[in-house]
Amino acid sequence: MPHSPLPPVAEVKAESGNLQIRFLRWGEPWQWLVLGLRDVRRAPGIALFYGLCFSGMAMVMGWVFRASPEYVMSIASGCLLLGPFLAMGLYDVSKRLEQDQRPQLSESLTCWDKNLGSMGMLVMVLMVLEMLWGRAAMVVFAISFDTGMPSTANMLQTLLRPENWEFLLIYTAVGGVFAALVFASTVVALPTILDRDTDALTACITSMRVVGVNPGVMLLWGLIITVLVAASLLIYGVGLLLVGPLLGCASWHAYRASVVKAEARDA
């Protein structure tokens, strides 16, 4: 199913050639999922490997929730940060399939080595965000439960009490702000680095411009990601065996639909 995006409407300057941001149609996120599923079916072994990695992260998060629920936000944010980097191997798979090449697991695992500087800088920035996110979550917990953390056995009942609704609102707002910032900064940043060999700052600016030009469509894309990941976590993270690789490959197609080089304007 070919892409048919609208003409570019914004431009980001880059040493590798200026990048243009396209307007996106509302139906395109579903198209990205279809294309992502096609890539998963064409490279099932590699997809299974990455699916196992994503599922393993979910199991770790579940264990932390049972043992130390106050650290759940920190672990969740860590997974949200690690996920895109793990998915970079899937971006490489989709890129090679797009070029009619045969993807290899070994190559997907080392696809970042040519962009180590940009990757390292982006990792550092996101790790700072992750630490701030985790610290903010712990502060909210500490202020709201100064008599001690509720046990995992009665966690849900405790949080749903009317006196804890303010905590839920604050906790959700804090998580939402950091999640939105991470999403806007990375939604197409890593594919941009992999494909265009740009620096981390340009990649983040490009990603934010994509969200700025297409706020509604990218909000829909973020909601689709959230719903699919949440649903896959219901059965101990087993659903991530498919959802993880699917979203990784689909994210490559999201990038390809939204970012083009300036030279491609008249193509």
Protein backbone atom coordinates (compact mmCIF):
# COMPACT_ATOMS: atom_id res chain seq x y z
CA MET A 1 0.00 0.00 0.00
CA PRO A 2 1.91 3.11 -1.15
CA HIS A 3 2.21 6.33 0.78
CA SER A 4 0.37 9.35 -0.61
CA PRO A 5 1.24 12.18 1.80
CA LEU A 6 0.49 15.80 1.11
CA PRO A 7 3.22 18.26 0.00
CA PRO A 8 5.88 19.44 2.49
CA VAL A 9 4.86 22.40 4.64
CA ALA A 10 7.87 23.00 6.92
CA GLU A 11 11.62 22.61 6.74
CA VAL A 12 14.38 21.68 9.20
CA LYS A 13 17.96 22.57 8.33
CA ALA A 14 20.39 19.65 8.48
CA GLU A 15 23.99 19.14 7.41
CA SER A 16 22.96 16.06 5.46
CA GLY A 17 20.42 18.09 3.46
CA ASN A 18 17.42 20.06 4.65
CA LEU A 19 14.49 17.93 5.76
CA GLN A 20 10.89 18.77 4.96
CA ILE A 21 7.87 17.92 7.08
CA ARG A 22 4.69 16.76 5.37
CA PHE A 23 1.06 17.20 6.28
CA LEU A 24 -0.42 13.81 7.19
CA ARG A 25 -3.94 12.51 6.64
CA TRP A 26 -6.00 11.05 9.48
CA GLY A 27 -6.03 7.58 7.96
CA GLU A 28 -2.26 7.26 7.64
CA PRO A 29 -1.50 5.86 11.14
CA TRP A 30 -3.61 2.81 10.26
CA GLN A 31 -1.66 2.49 7.04
CA TRP A 32 1.58 2.48 9.02
CA LEU A 33 0.27 -0.44 11.07
CA VAL A 34 -0.57 -2.38 7.91
CA LEU A 35 2.90 -1.76 6.49
CA GLY A 36 4.49 -2.65 9.83
CA LEU A 37 2.60 -5.95 9.96
CA ARG A 38 3.76 -6.70 6.44
CA ASP A 39 7.38 -6.21 7.51
CA VAL A 40 6.91 -8.44 10.56
CA ARG A 41 5.55 -11.20 8.34
CA ARG A 42 8.50 -10.84 5.96
CA ALA A 43 11.07 -11.12 8.78
CA PRO A 44 9.36 -13.32 11.42
CA GLY A 45 12.52 -14.62 13.10
CA ILE A 46 13.99 -11.18 13.71
CA ALA A 47 10.59 -9.88 14.81
CA LEU A 48 10.30 -12.72 17.35
CA PHE A 49 13.70 -11.87 18.83
CA TYR A 50 12.74 -8.26 19.40
CA GLY A 51 9.30 -9.29 20.62
CA LEU A 52 10.94 -11.43 23.29
CA CYS A 53 13.04 -8.43 24.35
CA PHE A 54 9.98 -6.22 24.69
CA SER A 55 8.08 -8.93 26.54
CA GLY A 56 11.02 -9.37 28.92
CA MET A 57 10.95 -5.66 29.75
CA ALA A 58 7.25 -5.93 30.55
CA MET A 59 7.88 -8.85 32.91
CA VAL A 60 10.55 -6.85 34.75
CA MET A 61 8.12 -3.95 35.10
CA GLY A 62 5.46 -6.31 36.47
CA TRP A 63 7.88 -7.71 39.03
CA VAL A 64 8.84 -4.21 40.18
CA PHE A 65 5.15 -3.30 40.55
CA ARG A 66 4.61 -6.26 42.87
CA ALA A 67 7.80 -5.69 44.87
CA SER A 68 8.17 -1.88 44.98
CA PRO A 69 5.19 -0.08 43.42
CA GLU A 70 6.66 3.36 44.13
CA TYR A 71 9.29 2.67 41.45
CA VAL A 72 6.82 1.69 38.74
CA MET A 73 6.87 5.12 37.05
CA SER A 74 10.68 5.08 36.99
CA ILE A 75 10.81 1.60 35.46
CA ALA A 76 8.01 2.43 33.02
CA SER A 77 9.80 5.55 31.88
CA GLY A 78 13.01 3.57 31.52
CA CYS A 79 11.19 1.08 29.31
CA LEU A 80 9.71 3.92 27.25
CA LEU A 81 13.22 5.24 26.70
CA LEU A 82 14.82 1.87 26.03
CA GLY A 83 12.03 0.79 23.70
CA PRO A 84 12.83 3.15 20.81
CA PHE A 85 16.51 2.22 20.92
CA LEU A 86 15.65 -1.47 20.93
CA ALA A 87 13.27 -0.74 18.08
CA MET A 88 16.10 0.83 16.07
CA GLY A 89 16.96 -2.68 14.94
CA LEU A 90 13.41 -2.97 13.63
CA TYR A 91 13.79 0.35 11.82
CA ASP A 92 16.81 -1.16 10.10
CA VAL A 93 14.76 -4.23 9.16
CA SER A 94 12.00 -2.12 7.59
CA LYS A 95 14.54 0.09 5.84
CA ARG A 96 16.23 -2.92 4.24
CA LEU A 97 12.92 -4.49 3.23
CA GLU A 98 11.94 -1.16 1.67
CA GLN A 99 15.15 -1.33 -0.38
CA ASP A 100 14.45 -4.97 -1.37
CA GLN A 101 17.36 -6.19 0.75
CA ARG A 102 17.38 -9.23 3.01
CA PRO A 103 17.51 -8.11 6.68
CA GLN A 104 19.87 -9.88 9.08
CA LEU A 105 19.58 -10.01 12.87
CA SER A 106 23.29 -9.34 13.33
CA GLU A 107 23.09 -6.21 11.18
CA SER A 108 19.99 -4.95 12.96
CA LEU A 109 21.74 -5.32 16.32
CA THR A 110 24.65 -3.13 15.20
CA CYS A 111 22.83 -0.67 12.93
CA TRP A 112 23.52 2.15 15.38
CA ASP A 113 27.33 1.84 15.27
CA LYS A 114 27.68 4.38 12.44
CA ASN A 115 25.68 6.92 14.42
CA LEU A 116 27.23 6.35 17.83
CA GLY A 117 27.83 10.04 18.56
CA SER A 118 24.27 11.12 17.76
CA MET A 119 22.82 8.11 19.54
CA GLY A 120 24.94 8.77 22.62
CA MET A 121 23.85 12.39 22.82
CA LEU A 122 20.19 11.47 22.42
CA VAL A 123 20.52 8.76 25.06
CA MET A 124 22.00 11.26 27.51
CA VAL A 125 19.20 13.77 26.95
CA LEU A 126 16.52 11.12 27.35
CA MET A 127 18.17 9.66 30.44
CA VAL A 128 18.01 13.10 32.06
CA LEU A 129 14.30 13.23 31.22
CA GLU A 130 13.87 9.72 32.60
CA MET A 131 15.56 10.62 35.89
CA LEU A 132 13.48 13.78 36.24
CA TRP A 133 10.34 11.79 35.48
CA GLY A 134 11.18 9.13 38.04
CA ARG A 135 12.10 11.69 40.68
CA ALA A 136 8.90 13.64 40.11
CA ALA A 137 6.86 10.44 40.44
CA MET A 138 8.57 9.51 43.72
CA VAL A 139 7.96 13.01 45.11
CA VAL A 140 4.26 12.75 44.27
CA PHE A 141 4.11 9.37 46.02
CA ALA A 142 6.02 10.65 49.05
CA ILE A 143 3.77 13.69 49.49
CA SER A 144 0.56 11.72 48.99
CA PHE A 145 1.43 8.69 51.15
CA ASP A 146 3.47 10.11 54.02
CA THR A 147 2.33 7.26 56.28
CA GLY A 148 3.75 4.61 54.00
CA MET A 149 3.15 3.09 50.61
CA PRO A 150 -0.01 1.01 50.11
CA SER A 151 0.67 -2.67 49.53
CA THR A 152 0.21 -4.19 46.10
CA ALA A 153 -2.67 -6.26 47.48
CA ASN A 154 -4.82 -3.20 48.16
CA MET A 155 -3.16 -0.75 45.75
CA LEU A 156 -6.14 -0.39 43.41
CA GLN A 157 -8.69 -0.06 46.21
CA THR A 158 -6.53 2.54 47.97
CA LEU A 159 -5.98 4.66 44.86
CA LEU A 160 -9.67 4.67 43.96
CA ARG A 161 -10.75 6.11 47.28
CA PRO A 162 -12.15 9.66 46.95
CA GLU A 163 -9.42 11.09 49.20
CA ASN A 164 -6.79 9.84 46.73
CA TRP A 165 -8.36 11.25 43.56
CA GLU A 166 -6.19 14.35 43.80
CA PHE A 167 -3.12 12.09 43.87
CA LEU A 168 -4.33 10.23 40.78
CA LEU A 169 -4.85 13.50 38.91
CA ILE A 170 -1.42 14.85 39.84
CA TYR A 171 0.34 11.55 39.15
CA THR A 172 -1.36 11.23 35.77
CA ALA A 173 -0.60 14.84 34.88
CA VAL A 174 3.09 14.48 35.78
CA GLY A 175 3.38 11.27 33.80
CA GLY A 176 1.47 12.78 30.89
CA VAL A 177 3.74 15.81 30.65
CA PHE A 178 6.92 13.75 30.58
CA ALA A 179 5.42 11.12 28.26
CA ALA A 180 4.31 13.83 25.82
CA LEU A 181 7.77 15.41 25.88
CA VAL A 182 9.50 12.08 25.28
CA PHE A 183 7.05 11.18 22.51
CA ALA A 184 7.39 14.52 20.72
CA SER A 185 11.19 14.37 20.96
CA THR A 186 11.59 10.80 19.72
CA VAL A 187 8.61 9.83 17.56
CA VAL A 188 10.73 10.09 14.39
CA ALA A 189 14.11 11.10 15.88
CA LEU A 190 15.80 7.71 15.78
CA PRO A 191 14.65 6.80 12.26
CA THR A 192 15.93 10.22 11.17
CA ILE A 193 19.36 9.51 12.67
CA LEU A 194 19.47 6.04 11.13
CA ASP A 195 18.32 7.15 7.69
CA ARG A 196 19.82 10.65 7.34
CA ASP A 197 22.84 10.44 9.67
CA THR A 198 21.79 13.70 11.34
CA ASP A 199 22.93 14.94 14.74
CA ALA A 200 20.75 14.38 17.80
CA LEU A 201 19.56 17.99 18.04
CA THR A 202 18.41 18.07 14.41
CA ALA A 203 16.66 14.73 14.87
CA CYS A 204 14.78 15.96 17.95
CA ILE A 205 13.84 19.23 16.27
CA THR A 206 12.61 17.30 13.23
CA SER A 207 10.52 15.06 15.48
CA MET A 208 9.00 18.03 17.28
CA ARG A 209 8.24 19.76 13.99
CA VAL A 210 6.43 16.64 12.77
CA VAL A 211 4.26 16.77 15.90
CA GLY A 212 3.82 20.54 15.57
CA VAL A 213 2.71 20.35 11.93
CA ASN A 214 0.46 17.32 12.52
CA PRO A 215 -0.70 17.55 16.16
CA GLY A 216 -3.99 15.73 15.62
CA VAL A 217 -2.60 12.86 13.56
CA MET A 218 0.38 12.40 15.87
CA LEU A 219 -1.92 12.47 18.90
CA LEU A 220 -3.92 9.70 17.23
CA TRP A 221 -0.68 7.80 16.59
CA GLY A 222 0.33 8.22 20.23
CA LEU A 223 -3.08 6.97 21.38
CA ILE A 224 -2.83 3.94 19.08
CA ILE A 225 0.59 3.13 20.54
CA THR A 226 -0.70 3.57 24.09
CA VAL A 227 -3.78 1.40 23.56
CA LEU A 228 -1.85 -1.40 21.83
CA VAL A 229 0.88 -1.44 24.47
CA ALA A 230 -1.64 -1.32 27.33
CA ALA A 231 -3.65 -4.18 25.80
CA SER A 232 -0.50 -6.25 25.27
CA LEU A 233 0.39 -5.87 28.97
CA LEU A 234 -2.88 -7.40 30.17
CA ILE A 235 -1.57 -10.97 29.83
CA TYR A 236 1.82 -10.57 31.53
CA GLY A 237 3.27 -8.74 28.54
CA VAL A 238 2.87 -11.69 26.18
CA GLY A 239 1.12 -9.46 23.66
CA LEU A 240 4.35 -7.53 23.18
CA LEU A 241 5.71 -10.51 21.26
CA LEU A 242 3.69 -9.14 18.34
CA VAL A 243 2.89 -5.56 19.34
CA GLY A 244 6.53 -4.61 20.00
CA PRO A 245 7.85 -5.55 16.54
CA LEU A 246 4.66 -4.26 14.90
CA LEU A 247 5.02 -0.79 16.41
CA GLY A 248 8.75 -0.73 15.71
CA CYS A 249 8.27 -1.40 12.01
CA ALA A 250 5.21 0.85 11.82
CA SER A 251 7.22 3.71 13.35
CA TRP A 252 9.66 3.49 10.46
CA HIS A 253 6.80 4.00 8.04
CA ALA A 254 5.52 6.89 10.17
CA TYR A 255 8.89 8.55 9.67
CA ARG A 256 8.97 7.83 5.94
CA ALA A 257 5.51 9.33 5.51
CA SER A 258 6.26 12.52 7.45
CA VAL A 259 9.87 13.45 6.59
CA VAL A 260 11.50 13.90 3.18
CA LYS A 261 14.64 15.60 1.90
CA ALA A 262 14.24 19.05 0.40
CA GLU A 263 15.52 17.76 -2.93
CA ALA A 264 12.45 15.50 -3.14
CA ARG A 265 10.04 18.44 -3.35
CA ASP A 266 9.53 18.17 -7.06
CA ALA A 267 9.83 14.40 -7.23
